[in-house]
Amino acid sequence: SDLIAAALDQGYSLIDTAEFYNNERDVGVAIKQSSRRREDVFVISKWWPTSAGAKGVMDSLDNCLKQFAFNTFIFIFTFAIFSLESSYVDLYMIHAPKDGCCAEAYRALTQAKKEGKIK
């Protein structure tokens, strides 16, 4: 998280995370540590397709947001110790889309967008 915070302080404004990368928590911590405001950082995360379909993608999204907040919303998809002070992710994608469950997951993500969890 220290390197990510340093990059943000040097002007980076886009952070790419993913459930598969296991880095959502570190990004939440880094944003909190940096001098940047959450709204000035564009955060991308991704769900790894599973047979869980819509339920799996929504569980992953909610976990991601938890990791970015501090007792409120830890970057809406993952952590709970440091505050990202955010209730949304800017972009949430299906990582390596493949058969079956992706259409169901996509429909669930459109609902998450309506709920404000995804910009």
N, C-alpha and C. Protein backbone atom coordinates (compact mmCIF):
# COMPACT_ATOMS: atom_id res chain seq x y z
N SER A 1 0.81 -1.20 0.00
CA SER A 1 0.00 0.00 0.00
C SER A 1 0.86 1.27 0.00
N ASP A 2 2.07 1.19 0.56
CA ASP A 2 2.94 2.37 0.57
C ASP A 2 3.31 2.81 -0.85
N LEU A 3 3.61 1.85 -1.72
CA LEU A 3 3.97 2.19 -3.10
C LEU A 3 2.78 2.79 -3.85
N ILE A 4 1.60 2.26 -3.60
CA ILE A 4 0.41 2.79 -4.26
C ILE A 4 0.14 4.21 -3.76
N ALA A 5 0.26 4.42 -2.46
CA ALA A 5 0.06 5.77 -1.90
C ALA A 5 1.08 6.75 -2.48
N ALA A 6 2.33 6.31 -2.62
CA ALA A 6 3.37 7.17 -3.20
C ALA A 6 3.03 7.51 -4.65
N ALA A 7 2.55 6.53 -5.40
CA ALA A 7 2.16 6.78 -6.79
C ALA A 7 1.01 7.79 -6.86
N LEU A 8 0.04 7.64 -5.97
CA LEU A 8 -1.07 8.60 -5.93
C LEU A 8 -0.56 10.00 -5.60
N ASP A 9 0.35 10.09 -4.66
CA ASP A 9 0.91 11.39 -4.29
C ASP A 9 1.73 12.01 -5.42
N GLN A 10 2.25 11.18 -6.32
CA GLN A 10 3.02 11.67 -7.47
C GLN A 10 2.12 12.03 -8.65
N GLY A 11 0.81 11.78 -8.52
CA GLY A 11 -0.11 12.19 -9.57
C GLY A 11 -0.87 11.09 -10.26
N TYR A 12 -0.58 9.84 -9.95
CA TYR A 12 -1.38 8.77 -10.55
C TYR A 12 -2.83 8.96 -10.13
N SER A 13 -3.74 8.69 -11.06
CA SER A 13 -5.14 8.91 -10.72
C SER A 13 -6.03 7.73 -11.09
N LEU A 14 -5.45 6.65 -11.59
CA LEU A 14 -6.22 5.45 -11.93
C LEU A 14 -5.56 4.25 -11.26
N ILE A 15 -6.35 3.48 -10.53
CA ILE A 15 -5.86 2.28 -9.86
C ILE A 15 -6.69 1.10 -10.34
N ASP A 16 -6.00 0.05 -10.79
CA ASP A 16 -6.65 -1.17 -11.28
C ASP A 16 -6.52 -2.27 -10.23
N THR A 17 -7.64 -2.73 -9.70
CA THR A 17 -7.66 -3.79 -8.71
C THR A 17 -8.46 -4.96 -9.26
N ALA A 18 -8.47 -6.05 -8.53
CA ALA A 18 -9.31 -7.19 -8.90
C ALA A 18 -9.38 -8.17 -7.75
N GLU A 19 -10.51 -8.83 -7.66
CA GLU A 19 -10.67 -9.91 -6.70
C GLU A 19 -9.53 -10.92 -6.90
N PHE A 20 -9.24 -11.24 -8.14
CA PHE A 20 -8.20 -12.22 -8.49
C PHE A 20 -6.80 -11.75 -8.08
N TYR A 21 -6.55 -10.44 -8.13
CA TYR A 21 -5.24 -9.90 -7.77
C TYR A 21 -5.04 -9.85 -6.26
N ASN A 22 -6.15 -9.90 -5.53
CA ASN A 22 -6.10 -9.83 -4.07
C ASN A 22 -5.42 -8.52 -3.60
N ASN A 23 -5.75 -7.42 -4.27
CA ASN A 23 -5.12 -6.14 -3.92
C ASN A 23 -6.13 -5.05 -3.55
N GLU A 24 -7.40 -5.38 -3.45
CA GLU A 24 -8.41 -4.36 -3.16
C GLU A 24 -8.17 -3.72 -1.78
N ARG A 25 -7.82 -4.51 -0.79
CA ARG A 25 -7.56 -4.00 0.55
C ARG A 25 -6.40 -3.01 0.53
N ASP A 26 -5.32 -3.37 -0.14
CA ASP A 26 -4.15 -2.50 -0.20
C ASP A 26 -4.46 -1.17 -0.89
N VAL A 27 -5.29 -1.21 -1.90
CA VAL A 27 -5.67 0.02 -2.59
C VAL A 27 -6.49 0.91 -1.66
N GLY A 28 -7.41 0.31 -0.91
CA GLY A 28 -8.19 1.08 0.05
C GLY A 28 -7.31 1.76 1.08
N VAL A 29 -6.34 1.02 1.60
CA VAL A 29 -5.39 1.57 2.57
C VAL A 29 -4.57 2.69 1.93
N ALA A 30 -4.10 2.46 0.71
CA ALA A 30 -3.25 3.45 0.03
C ALA A 30 -3.98 4.76 -0.21
N ILE A 31 -5.23 4.68 -0.62
CA ILE A 31 -5.98 5.91 -0.85
C ILE A 31 -6.12 6.69 0.45
N LYS A 32 -6.36 5.98 1.53
CA LYS A 32 -6.47 6.62 2.84
C LYS A 32 -5.14 7.26 3.24
N GLN A 33 -4.02 6.58 2.96
CA GLN A 33 -2.70 7.08 3.34
C GLN A 33 -2.24 8.26 2.48
N SER A 34 -2.71 8.32 1.26
CA SER A 34 -2.24 9.35 0.33
C SER A 34 -2.88 10.69 0.63
N SER A 35 -2.42 11.70 -0.07
CA SER A 35 -2.99 13.03 0.08
C SER A 35 -4.17 13.25 -0.88
N ARG A 36 -4.52 12.22 -1.64
CA ARG A 36 -5.60 12.35 -2.64
C ARG A 36 -6.97 12.12 -2.02
N ARG A 37 -7.96 12.84 -2.53
CA ARG A 37 -9.35 12.60 -2.15
C ARG A 37 -9.87 11.43 -2.96
N ARG A 38 -10.77 10.65 -2.40
CA ARG A 38 -11.31 9.48 -3.10
C ARG A 38 -11.87 9.85 -4.46
N GLU A 39 -12.60 10.95 -4.52
CA GLU A 39 -13.23 11.33 -5.79
C GLU A 39 -12.22 11.73 -6.86
N ASP A 40 -10.96 11.91 -6.49
CA ASP A 40 -9.92 12.25 -7.46
C ASP A 40 -9.15 11.03 -7.96
N VAL A 41 -9.55 9.85 -7.51
CA VAL A 41 -8.90 8.60 -7.92
C VAL A 41 -9.94 7.73 -8.61
N PHE A 42 -9.66 7.30 -9.83
CA PHE A 42 -10.55 6.41 -10.57
C PHE A 42 -10.14 4.98 -10.25
N VAL A 43 -11.04 4.25 -9.61
CA VAL A 43 -10.72 2.89 -9.16
C VAL A 43 -11.51 1.87 -9.98
N ILE A 44 -10.78 0.91 -10.53
CA ILE A 44 -11.36 -0.19 -11.29
C ILE A 44 -11.18 -1.46 -10.48
N SER A 45 -12.20 -2.29 -10.44
CA SER A 45 -12.04 -3.63 -9.89
C SER A 45 -12.78 -4.61 -10.79
N LYS A 46 -12.50 -5.89 -10.57
CA LYS A 46 -13.05 -6.92 -11.45
C LYS A 46 -13.45 -8.16 -10.66
N TRP A 47 -14.50 -8.82 -11.13
CA TRP A 47 -14.98 -10.07 -10.55
C TRP A 47 -14.50 -11.23 -11.41
N TRP A 48 -13.98 -12.28 -10.77
CA TRP A 48 -13.56 -13.48 -11.49
C TRP A 48 -14.78 -14.37 -11.66
N PRO A 49 -15.18 -14.66 -12.92
CA PRO A 49 -16.40 -15.44 -13.15
C PRO A 49 -16.36 -16.82 -12.48
N THR A 50 -17.47 -17.14 -11.84
CA THR A 50 -17.66 -18.45 -11.23
C THR A 50 -19.06 -18.92 -11.57
N SER A 51 -19.38 -20.12 -11.17
CA SER A 51 -20.72 -20.63 -11.42
C SER A 51 -21.76 -19.96 -10.53
N ALA A 52 -21.31 -19.12 -9.60
CA ALA A 52 -22.24 -18.45 -8.69
C ALA A 52 -23.06 -17.37 -9.39
N GLY A 53 -22.67 -16.97 -10.58
CA GLY A 53 -23.44 -16.01 -11.36
C GLY A 53 -23.72 -14.71 -10.64
N ALA A 54 -24.99 -14.28 -10.67
CA ALA A 54 -25.38 -12.98 -10.11
C ALA A 54 -25.05 -12.90 -8.62
N LYS A 55 -25.32 -13.95 -7.87
CA LYS A 55 -25.02 -13.92 -6.44
C LYS A 55 -23.52 -13.77 -6.21
N GLY A 56 -22.73 -14.49 -6.98
CA GLY A 56 -21.27 -14.41 -6.84
C GLY A 56 -20.73 -13.03 -7.13
N VAL A 57 -21.22 -12.42 -8.21
CA VAL A 57 -20.71 -11.09 -8.57
C VAL A 57 -21.12 -10.05 -7.53
N MET A 58 -22.34 -10.16 -7.01
CA MET A 58 -22.78 -9.19 -6.01
C MET A 58 -22.06 -9.39 -4.67
N ASP A 59 -21.82 -10.64 -4.28
CA ASP A 59 -21.04 -10.90 -3.06
C ASP A 59 -19.63 -10.32 -3.20
N SER A 60 -19.04 -10.52 -4.38
CA SER A 60 -17.69 -10.01 -4.62
C SER A 60 -17.67 -8.48 -4.59
N LEU A 61 -18.64 -7.86 -5.22
CA LEU A 61 -18.73 -6.40 -5.24
C LEU A 61 -18.90 -5.86 -3.82
N ASP A 62 -19.79 -6.45 -3.06
CA ASP A 62 -20.00 -6.00 -1.69
C ASP A 62 -18.75 -6.19 -0.85
N ASN A 63 -18.05 -7.31 -1.05
CA ASN A 63 -16.81 -7.54 -0.33
C ASN A 63 -15.76 -6.50 -0.71
N CYS A 64 -15.68 -6.19 -1.99
CA CYS A 64 -14.73 -5.18 -2.47
C CYS A 64 -15.01 -3.84 -1.79
N LEU A 65 -16.27 -3.45 -1.74
CA LEU A 65 -16.62 -2.17 -1.15
C LEU A 65 -16.31 -2.15 0.34
N LYS A 66 -16.50 -3.26 1.02
CA LYS A 66 -16.18 -3.33 2.45
C LYS A 66 -14.69 -3.12 2.68
N GLN A 67 -13.86 -3.57 1.76
CA GLN A 67 -12.41 -3.50 1.93
C GLN A 67 -11.89 -2.08 1.80
N PHE A 68 -12.68 -1.17 1.29
CA PHE A 68 -12.21 0.19 1.11
C PHE A 68 -12.76 1.15 2.15
N ALA A 69 -13.39 0.68 3.19
CA ALA A 69 -13.97 1.61 4.16
C ALA A 69 -13.52 1.33 5.57
N PHE A 70 -13.82 2.23 6.43
CA PHE A 70 -13.48 2.09 7.85
C PHE A 70 -14.76 2.18 8.64
N ASN A 71 -15.30 1.04 8.99
CA ASN A 71 -16.55 0.93 9.73
C ASN A 71 -17.73 1.56 8.99
N THR A 72 -17.60 1.85 7.73
CA THR A 72 -18.72 2.31 6.91
C THR A 72 -18.68 1.58 5.59
N PHE A 73 -17.75 1.97 4.69
CA PHE A 73 -17.59 1.27 3.43
C PHE A 73 -16.12 1.20 3.09
N ILE A 74 -15.46 0.10 3.29
CA ILE A 74 -14.04 0.00 2.98
C ILE A 74 -13.92 -0.26 1.51
N PHE A 75 -13.88 0.79 0.77
CA PHE A 75 -13.85 0.79 -0.69
C PHE A 75 -14.88 -0.17 -1.22
N ILE A 76 -16.01 -0.10 -0.70
CA ILE A 76 -17.19 -0.84 -1.05
C ILE A 76 -16.94 -2.28 -1.41
N PHE A 77 -15.80 -2.71 -1.76
CA PHE A 77 -15.64 -4.10 -2.13
C PHE A 77 -14.60 -4.88 -1.33
N THR A 78 -14.01 -4.38 -0.21
CA THR A 78 -13.04 -5.28 0.42
C THR A 78 -12.60 -5.09 1.86
N PHE A 79 -12.17 -4.02 2.44
CA PHE A 79 -11.44 -3.93 3.70
C PHE A 79 -12.27 -3.30 4.81
N ALA A 80 -11.76 -3.24 6.06
CA ALA A 80 -12.55 -2.61 7.12
C ALA A 80 -11.69 -1.96 8.18
N ILE A 81 -10.45 -1.73 7.93
CA ILE A 81 -9.58 -1.14 8.93
C ILE A 81 -9.26 0.31 8.59
N PHE A 82 -9.00 0.60 7.34
CA PHE A 82 -8.73 1.97 6.91
C PHE A 82 -9.85 2.46 6.02
N SER A 83 -10.13 3.73 6.06
CA SER A 83 -11.27 4.26 5.32
C SER A 83 -10.90 4.79 3.95
N LEU A 84 -11.53 4.24 2.97
CA LEU A 84 -11.44 4.82 1.64
C LEU A 84 -12.49 5.92 1.56
N GLU A 85 -13.40 5.87 2.50
CA GLU A 85 -14.49 6.83 2.57
C GLU A 85 -15.21 6.92 1.24
N SER A 86 -15.59 5.75 0.76
CA SER A 86 -16.28 5.66 -0.53
C SER A 86 -17.35 4.59 -0.46
N SER A 87 -18.44 4.86 -1.11
CA SER A 87 -19.52 3.88 -1.17
C SER A 87 -19.68 3.36 -2.59
N TYR A 88 -18.67 3.60 -3.42
CA TYR A 88 -18.77 3.19 -4.83
C TYR A 88 -17.40 2.83 -5.38
N VAL A 89 -17.44 2.14 -6.50
CA VAL A 89 -16.26 1.91 -7.32
C VAL A 89 -16.55 2.56 -8.66
N ASP A 90 -15.54 3.10 -9.30
CA ASP A 90 -15.79 3.81 -10.55
C ASP A 90 -16.14 2.89 -11.71
N LEU A 91 -15.48 1.74 -11.77
CA LEU A 91 -15.72 0.78 -12.84
C LEU A 91 -15.54 -0.62 -12.27
N TYR A 92 -16.51 -1.49 -12.49
CA TYR A 92 -16.44 -2.88 -12.02
C TYR A 92 -16.72 -3.78 -13.21
N MET A 93 -15.78 -4.65 -13.50
CA MET A 93 -15.88 -5.46 -14.71
C MET A 93 -15.91 -6.95 -14.40
N ILE A 94 -16.34 -7.71 -15.38
CA ILE A 94 -16.24 -9.16 -15.32
C ILE A 94 -14.86 -9.51 -15.86
N HIS A 95 -14.03 -10.09 -15.01
CA HIS A 95 -12.65 -10.44 -15.36
C HIS A 95 -12.66 -11.70 -16.22
N ALA A 96 -12.10 -11.61 -17.42
CA ALA A 96 -12.02 -12.77 -18.33
C ALA A 96 -13.38 -13.43 -18.52
N PRO A 97 -14.34 -12.70 -19.11
CA PRO A 97 -15.68 -13.28 -19.29
C PRO A 97 -15.63 -14.61 -20.03
N LYS A 98 -16.42 -15.54 -19.56
CA LYS A 98 -16.53 -16.84 -20.20
C LYS A 98 -17.91 -17.41 -19.93
N ASP A 99 -18.22 -18.50 -20.56
CA ASP A 99 -19.52 -19.14 -20.53
C ASP A 99 -20.50 -18.78 -19.43
N GLY A 100 -21.68 -19.22 -19.67
CA GLY A 100 -22.80 -19.30 -18.75
C GLY A 100 -23.16 -18.13 -17.87
N CYS A 101 -22.51 -17.99 -16.77
CA CYS A 101 -22.95 -17.11 -15.69
C CYS A 101 -22.73 -15.63 -15.97
N CYS A 102 -22.03 -15.28 -17.01
CA CYS A 102 -21.68 -13.88 -17.23
C CYS A 102 -22.89 -13.00 -17.56
N ALA A 103 -23.85 -13.52 -18.31
CA ALA A 103 -25.03 -12.72 -18.63
C ALA A 103 -25.81 -12.41 -17.36
N GLU A 104 -25.96 -13.39 -16.50
CA GLU A 104 -26.65 -13.20 -15.22
C GLU A 104 -25.88 -12.20 -14.35
N ALA A 105 -24.56 -12.33 -14.31
CA ALA A 105 -23.73 -11.43 -13.53
C ALA A 105 -23.83 -10.00 -14.08
N TYR A 106 -23.84 -9.86 -15.40
CA TYR A 106 -23.96 -8.54 -16.02
C TYR A 106 -25.27 -7.86 -15.60
N ARG A 107 -26.36 -8.61 -15.62
CA ARG A 107 -27.64 -8.04 -15.19
C ARG A 107 -27.57 -7.59 -13.73
N ALA A 108 -26.91 -8.36 -12.90
CA ALA A 108 -26.76 -7.98 -11.49
C ALA A 108 -25.94 -6.71 -11.36
N LEU A 109 -24.90 -6.57 -12.18
CA LEU A 109 -24.06 -5.37 -12.12
C LEU A 109 -24.82 -4.13 -12.59
N THR A 110 -25.73 -4.29 -13.55
CA THR A 110 -26.52 -3.13 -13.97
C THR A 110 -27.41 -2.67 -12.81
N GLN A 111 -27.89 -3.60 -12.00
CA GLN A 111 -28.67 -3.23 -10.81
C GLN A 111 -27.77 -2.53 -9.79
N ALA A 112 -26.56 -3.02 -9.61
CA ALA A 112 -25.61 -2.38 -8.69
C ALA A 112 -25.32 -0.94 -9.13
N LYS A 113 -25.25 -0.72 -10.42
CA LYS A 113 -25.04 0.65 -10.93
C LYS A 113 -26.22 1.53 -10.56
N LYS A 114 -27.44 1.01 -10.72
CA LYS A 114 -28.64 1.78 -10.35
C LYS A 114 -28.64 2.12 -8.86
N GLU A 115 -28.05 1.24 -8.05
CA GLU A 115 -28.00 1.45 -6.60
C GLU A 115 -26.85 2.39 -6.20
N GLY A 116 -26.03 2.79 -7.16
CA GLY A 116 -24.94 3.72 -6.89
C GLY A 116 -23.64 3.05 -6.42
N LYS A 117 -23.58 1.74 -6.45
CA LYS A 117 -22.36 1.04 -6.04
C LYS A 117 -21.28 1.11 -7.11
N ILE A 118 -21.69 1.35 -8.35
CA ILE A 118 -20.78 1.49 -9.49
C ILE A 118 -21.13 2.79 -10.19
N LYS A 119 -20.10 3.58 -10.49
CA LYS A 119 -20.35 4.84 -11.20
C LYS A 119 -20.58 4.54 -12.65
